[in-house]
Amino acid sequence: RHLQRVGLKVVVLEARSRVGGRVHTDATSLSVPVDLGASIITGVEAAPKLVTATGQGVPADPSATVCKQLGLDILHLKSDMPLYDAIEGGRVDAEVDRRVE
């Protein structure tokens, strides 16, 4: 839709009988629905000054590179995004959230 909004012609091809590609909610295997595949597609912009454990800067991933080439905006997510327990519905313990982050 975003590509169409900027004037590009888009054709979506599906290999399966359902729309969504790898994204699928399995509602039968467990006692709760489980999202399979991508839940959110994120891109990492290049950050050459940010040093990683390997001592190198952070390279852009392919989705960020494609967005830049097409002139598409990347929505910057804030780091203050608490984790929630999918079964109980409440926020997870702050220490667990910190470790996952």
N, C-alpha and C. Protein backbone atom coordinates (compact mmCIF):
# COMPACT_ATOMS: atom_id res chain seq x y z
N ARG A 1 0.83 -1.19 0.00
CA ARG A 1 0.00 0.00 0.00
C ARG A 1 0.86 1.25 0.00
N HIS A 2 1.94 1.19 0.78
CA HIS A 2 2.82 2.36 0.84
C HIS A 2 3.45 2.61 -0.53
N LEU A 3 3.86 1.54 -1.20
CA LEU A 3 4.45 1.69 -2.52
C LEU A 3 3.44 2.27 -3.50
N GLN A 4 2.18 1.84 -3.40
CA GLN A 4 1.14 2.38 -4.27
C GLN A 4 0.90 3.86 -3.98
N ARG A 5 0.95 4.24 -2.71
CA ARG A 5 0.74 5.64 -2.35
C ARG A 5 1.80 6.56 -2.95
N VAL A 6 3.00 6.02 -3.15
CA VAL A 6 4.05 6.86 -3.74
C VAL A 6 4.12 6.70 -5.25
N GLY A 7 3.07 6.06 -5.83
CA GLY A 7 2.95 6.02 -7.27
C GLY A 7 3.53 4.82 -7.98
N LEU A 8 3.95 3.80 -7.24
CA LEU A 8 4.51 2.61 -7.88
C LEU A 8 3.42 1.58 -8.13
N LYS A 9 3.55 0.84 -9.23
CA LYS A 9 2.63 -0.25 -9.52
C LYS A 9 3.12 -1.49 -8.78
N VAL A 10 2.22 -2.16 -8.07
CA VAL A 10 2.59 -3.30 -7.23
C VAL A 10 1.76 -4.52 -7.60
N VAL A 11 2.41 -5.67 -7.72
CA VAL A 11 1.73 -6.94 -7.91
C VAL A 11 2.19 -7.86 -6.78
N VAL A 12 1.24 -8.39 -6.02
CA VAL A 12 1.56 -9.29 -4.91
C VAL A 12 1.30 -10.72 -5.37
N LEU A 13 2.32 -11.56 -5.24
CA LEU A 13 2.20 -12.97 -5.60
C LEU A 13 2.22 -13.80 -4.33
N GLU A 14 1.28 -14.71 -4.21
CA GLU A 14 1.22 -15.59 -3.05
C GLU A 14 1.48 -17.01 -3.50
N ALA A 15 2.30 -17.74 -2.77
CA ALA A 15 2.61 -19.12 -3.09
C ALA A 15 1.63 -20.09 -2.42
N ARG A 16 0.86 -19.57 -1.49
CA ARG A 16 -0.10 -20.42 -0.78
C ARG A 16 -1.52 -19.97 -1.09
N SER A 17 -2.47 -20.74 -0.65
CA SER A 17 -3.87 -20.41 -0.89
C SER A 17 -4.38 -19.31 0.04
N ARG A 18 -3.55 -18.88 0.96
CA ARG A 18 -3.95 -17.81 1.88
C ARG A 18 -3.01 -16.62 1.73
N VAL A 19 -3.51 -15.46 2.07
CA VAL A 19 -2.69 -14.25 2.03
C VAL A 19 -1.85 -14.18 3.30
N GLY A 20 -0.62 -13.70 3.21
CA GLY A 20 0.18 -13.49 4.40
C GLY A 20 1.57 -14.06 4.36
N GLY A 21 1.89 -14.87 3.38
CA GLY A 21 3.23 -15.44 3.31
C GLY A 21 3.55 -16.24 4.56
N ARG A 22 4.66 -15.89 5.21
CA ARG A 22 5.08 -16.64 6.40
C ARG A 22 4.27 -16.27 7.63
N VAL A 23 3.54 -15.16 7.58
CA VAL A 23 2.78 -14.72 8.74
C VAL A 23 1.49 -15.52 8.83
N HIS A 24 1.29 -16.17 9.97
CA HIS A 24 0.11 -17.02 10.16
C HIS A 24 -0.14 -17.20 11.65
N THR A 25 -1.40 -17.16 12.04
CA THR A 25 -1.77 -17.43 13.43
C THR A 25 -2.29 -18.86 13.52
N ASP A 26 -1.60 -19.67 14.31
CA ASP A 26 -2.00 -21.06 14.55
C ASP A 26 -2.91 -21.05 15.78
N ALA A 27 -4.19 -21.29 15.56
CA ALA A 27 -5.15 -21.25 16.66
C ALA A 27 -5.54 -22.64 17.14
N THR A 28 -4.91 -23.70 16.63
CA THR A 28 -5.36 -25.05 16.98
C THR A 28 -4.31 -25.90 17.70
N SER A 29 -3.04 -25.61 17.54
CA SER A 29 -2.00 -26.49 18.10
C SER A 29 -1.85 -26.37 19.61
N LEU A 30 -2.03 -25.20 20.16
CA LEU A 30 -1.88 -24.98 21.61
C LEU A 30 -3.18 -24.46 22.19
N SER A 31 -3.16 -24.21 23.48
CA SER A 31 -4.38 -23.72 24.14
C SER A 31 -4.60 -22.23 23.89
N VAL A 32 -3.61 -21.57 23.34
CA VAL A 32 -3.72 -20.15 23.00
C VAL A 32 -3.24 -19.96 21.57
N PRO A 33 -3.75 -18.95 20.86
CA PRO A 33 -3.26 -18.69 19.51
C PRO A 33 -1.78 -18.29 19.53
N VAL A 34 -1.03 -18.75 18.53
CA VAL A 34 0.39 -18.44 18.43
C VAL A 34 0.66 -17.84 17.05
N ASP A 35 1.28 -16.65 17.03
CA ASP A 35 1.64 -16.05 15.75
C ASP A 35 2.93 -16.68 15.26
N LEU A 36 2.91 -17.15 14.04
CA LEU A 36 4.07 -17.76 13.42
C LEU A 36 4.61 -16.81 12.35
N GLY A 37 5.90 -16.81 12.15
CA GLY A 37 6.49 -15.92 11.16
C GLY A 37 6.66 -14.53 11.74
N ALA A 38 6.69 -13.56 10.87
CA ALA A 38 6.95 -12.18 11.29
C ALA A 38 5.73 -11.58 11.98
N SER A 39 5.95 -10.93 13.09
CA SER A 39 4.89 -10.18 13.75
C SER A 39 5.05 -8.69 13.45
N ILE A 40 6.28 -8.28 13.29
CA ILE A 40 6.58 -6.90 12.90
C ILE A 40 7.86 -6.96 12.07
N ILE A 41 7.89 -6.19 11.04
CA ILE A 41 9.08 -6.15 10.21
C ILE A 41 9.85 -4.89 10.60
N THR A 42 11.04 -5.10 11.08
CA THR A 42 11.85 -3.97 11.53
C THR A 42 13.10 -3.86 10.68
N GLY A 43 13.59 -2.68 10.61
CA GLY A 43 14.85 -2.44 9.91
C GLY A 43 15.82 -1.75 10.83
N VAL A 44 17.07 -2.02 10.66
CA VAL A 44 18.10 -1.37 11.46
C VAL A 44 18.89 -0.47 10.53
N GLU A 45 18.86 0.82 10.82
CA GLU A 45 19.63 1.75 10.03
C GLU A 45 21.10 1.64 10.41
N ALA A 46 21.97 1.94 9.49
CA ALA A 46 23.41 1.88 9.76
C ALA A 46 23.76 2.88 10.86
N ALA A 47 24.64 2.44 11.75
CA ALA A 47 25.13 3.30 12.84
C ALA A 47 26.63 3.05 12.99
N PRO A 48 27.44 3.60 12.07
CA PRO A 48 28.87 3.30 12.08
C PRO A 48 29.59 3.71 13.37
N LYS A 49 29.04 4.68 14.10
CA LYS A 49 29.69 5.14 15.33
C LYS A 49 29.33 4.29 16.54
N LEU A 50 28.28 3.48 16.42
CA LEU A 50 27.85 2.61 17.51
C LEU A 50 28.66 1.33 17.45
N VAL A 51 29.48 1.07 18.45
CA VAL A 51 30.38 -0.08 18.43
C VAL A 51 29.66 -1.30 19.00
N THR A 52 29.73 -2.40 18.27
CA THR A 52 29.11 -3.65 18.71
C THR A 52 30.15 -4.51 19.43
N ALA A 53 29.73 -5.70 19.84
CA ALA A 53 30.65 -6.61 20.53
C ALA A 53 31.82 -7.01 19.64
N THR A 54 31.63 -6.96 18.34
CA THR A 54 32.72 -7.30 17.41
C THR A 54 33.67 -6.14 17.18
N GLY A 55 33.35 -4.99 17.76
CA GLY A 55 34.20 -3.81 17.60
C GLY A 55 33.94 -3.04 16.32
N GLN A 56 32.89 -3.41 15.60
CA GLN A 56 32.54 -2.73 14.36
C GLN A 56 31.26 -1.94 14.53
N GLY A 57 31.03 -1.04 13.60
CA GLY A 57 29.78 -0.29 13.60
C GLY A 57 28.62 -1.18 13.19
N VAL A 58 27.41 -0.71 13.44
CA VAL A 58 26.21 -1.47 13.11
C VAL A 58 25.88 -1.24 11.63
N PRO A 59 25.88 -2.31 10.82
CA PRO A 59 25.52 -2.14 9.40
C PRO A 59 24.00 -2.07 9.25
N ALA A 60 23.54 -1.47 8.17
CA ALA A 60 22.11 -1.46 7.89
C ALA A 60 21.69 -2.86 7.44
N ASP A 61 20.51 -3.28 7.87
CA ASP A 61 20.03 -4.57 7.37
C ASP A 61 19.32 -4.35 6.03
N PRO A 62 19.03 -5.43 5.30
CA PRO A 62 18.46 -5.28 3.96
C PRO A 62 17.17 -4.47 3.90
N SER A 63 16.27 -4.64 4.88
CA SER A 63 15.01 -3.90 4.81
C SER A 63 15.23 -2.40 4.95
N ALA A 64 16.18 -1.99 5.78
CA ALA A 64 16.49 -0.57 5.92
C ALA A 64 17.13 -0.03 4.65
N THR A 65 17.97 -0.83 4.03
CA THR A 65 18.62 -0.42 2.79
C THR A 65 17.59 -0.22 1.68
N VAL A 66 16.64 -1.15 1.55
CA VAL A 66 15.60 -1.04 0.54
C VAL A 66 14.74 0.20 0.79
N CYS A 67 14.38 0.44 2.05
CA CYS A 67 13.59 1.63 2.38
C CYS A 67 14.32 2.91 1.96
N LYS A 68 15.61 2.96 2.24
CA LYS A 68 16.39 4.13 1.87
C LYS A 68 16.44 4.29 0.36
N GLN A 69 16.64 3.20 -0.37
CA GLN A 69 16.70 3.26 -1.83
C GLN A 69 15.38 3.72 -2.43
N LEU A 70 14.27 3.33 -1.83
CA LEU A 70 12.95 3.71 -2.34
C LEU A 70 12.45 5.03 -1.78
N GLY A 71 13.21 5.61 -0.85
CA GLY A 71 12.79 6.86 -0.24
C GLY A 71 11.65 6.70 0.73
N LEU A 72 11.52 5.51 1.32
CA LEU A 72 10.45 5.25 2.29
C LEU A 72 10.91 5.59 3.69
N ASP A 73 10.00 6.07 4.49
CA ASP A 73 10.32 6.40 5.87
C ASP A 73 10.39 5.14 6.72
N ILE A 74 11.29 5.14 7.68
CA ILE A 74 11.36 4.08 8.68
C ILE A 74 10.79 4.66 9.96
N LEU A 75 9.83 3.97 10.52
CA LEU A 75 9.25 4.41 11.78
C LEU A 75 10.21 4.04 12.90
N HIS A 76 10.71 5.03 13.60
CA HIS A 76 11.65 4.77 14.68
C HIS A 76 10.88 4.35 15.94
N LEU A 77 11.15 3.15 16.39
CA LEU A 77 10.50 2.63 17.59
C LEU A 77 11.23 3.13 18.82
N LYS A 78 10.48 3.47 19.82
CA LYS A 78 11.08 3.89 21.08
C LYS A 78 11.52 2.65 21.85
N SER A 79 12.55 2.80 22.64
CA SER A 79 13.02 1.64 23.40
C SER A 79 12.12 1.35 24.61
N ASP A 80 11.25 2.28 24.96
CA ASP A 80 10.35 2.05 26.08
C ASP A 80 9.10 1.32 25.60
N MET A 81 9.29 0.05 25.29
CA MET A 81 8.17 -0.78 24.84
C MET A 81 8.11 -1.99 25.76
N PRO A 82 7.30 -1.93 26.80
CA PRO A 82 7.27 -3.01 27.78
C PRO A 82 6.78 -4.32 27.18
N LEU A 83 7.27 -5.41 27.75
CA LEU A 83 6.83 -6.74 27.34
C LEU A 83 5.62 -7.16 28.17
N TYR A 84 4.71 -7.86 27.51
CA TYR A 84 3.51 -8.36 28.19
C TYR A 84 3.46 -9.87 28.10
N ASP A 85 2.97 -10.49 29.15
CA ASP A 85 2.76 -11.92 29.18
C ASP A 85 1.53 -12.23 28.33
N ALA A 86 1.71 -13.03 27.29
CA ALA A 86 0.61 -13.31 26.37
C ALA A 86 -0.52 -14.11 27.00
N ILE A 87 -0.22 -14.87 28.04
CA ILE A 87 -1.26 -15.70 28.66
C ILE A 87 -1.98 -14.94 29.76
N GLU A 88 -1.21 -14.31 30.65
CA GLU A 88 -1.80 -13.59 31.77
C GLU A 88 -2.28 -12.19 31.38
N GLY A 89 -1.63 -11.62 30.36
CA GLY A 89 -2.04 -10.29 29.89
C GLY A 89 -1.37 -9.12 30.58
N GLY A 90 -0.61 -9.37 31.64
CA GLY A 90 0.05 -8.28 32.37
C GLY A 90 1.48 -8.08 31.91
N ARG A 91 2.08 -7.00 32.38
CA ARG A 91 3.47 -6.73 32.06
C ARG A 91 4.37 -7.75 32.75
N VAL A 92 5.45 -8.13 32.06
CA VAL A 92 6.39 -9.04 32.69
C VAL A 92 7.22 -8.27 33.71
N ASP A 93 7.87 -9.01 34.58
CA ASP A 93 8.72 -8.42 35.60
C ASP A 93 9.77 -7.51 34.96
N ALA A 94 10.05 -6.36 35.57
CA ALA A 94 10.98 -5.39 35.01
C ALA A 94 12.36 -5.98 34.77
N GLU A 95 12.81 -6.87 35.63
CA GLU A 95 14.15 -7.50 35.46
C GLU A 95 14.15 -8.41 34.25
N VAL A 96 13.07 -9.15 34.03
CA VAL A 96 12.98 -10.01 32.84
C VAL A 96 12.97 -9.14 31.59
N ASP A 97 12.21 -8.07 31.62
CA ASP A 97 12.16 -7.15 30.49
C ASP A 97 13.54 -6.59 30.19
N ARG A 98 14.28 -6.20 31.22
CA ARG A 98 15.62 -5.64 31.03
C ARG A 98 16.56 -6.66 30.40
N ARG A 99 16.50 -7.92 30.89
CA ARG A 99 17.37 -8.96 30.35
C ARG A 99 17.06 -9.26 28.88
N VAL A 100 15.80 -9.26 28.53
CA VAL A 100 15.41 -9.51 27.14
C VAL A 100 15.89 -8.36 26.25
N GLU A 101 15.77 -7.14 26.73
CA GLU A 101 16.19 -5.96 25.98
C GLU A 101 17.67 -6.08 25.65
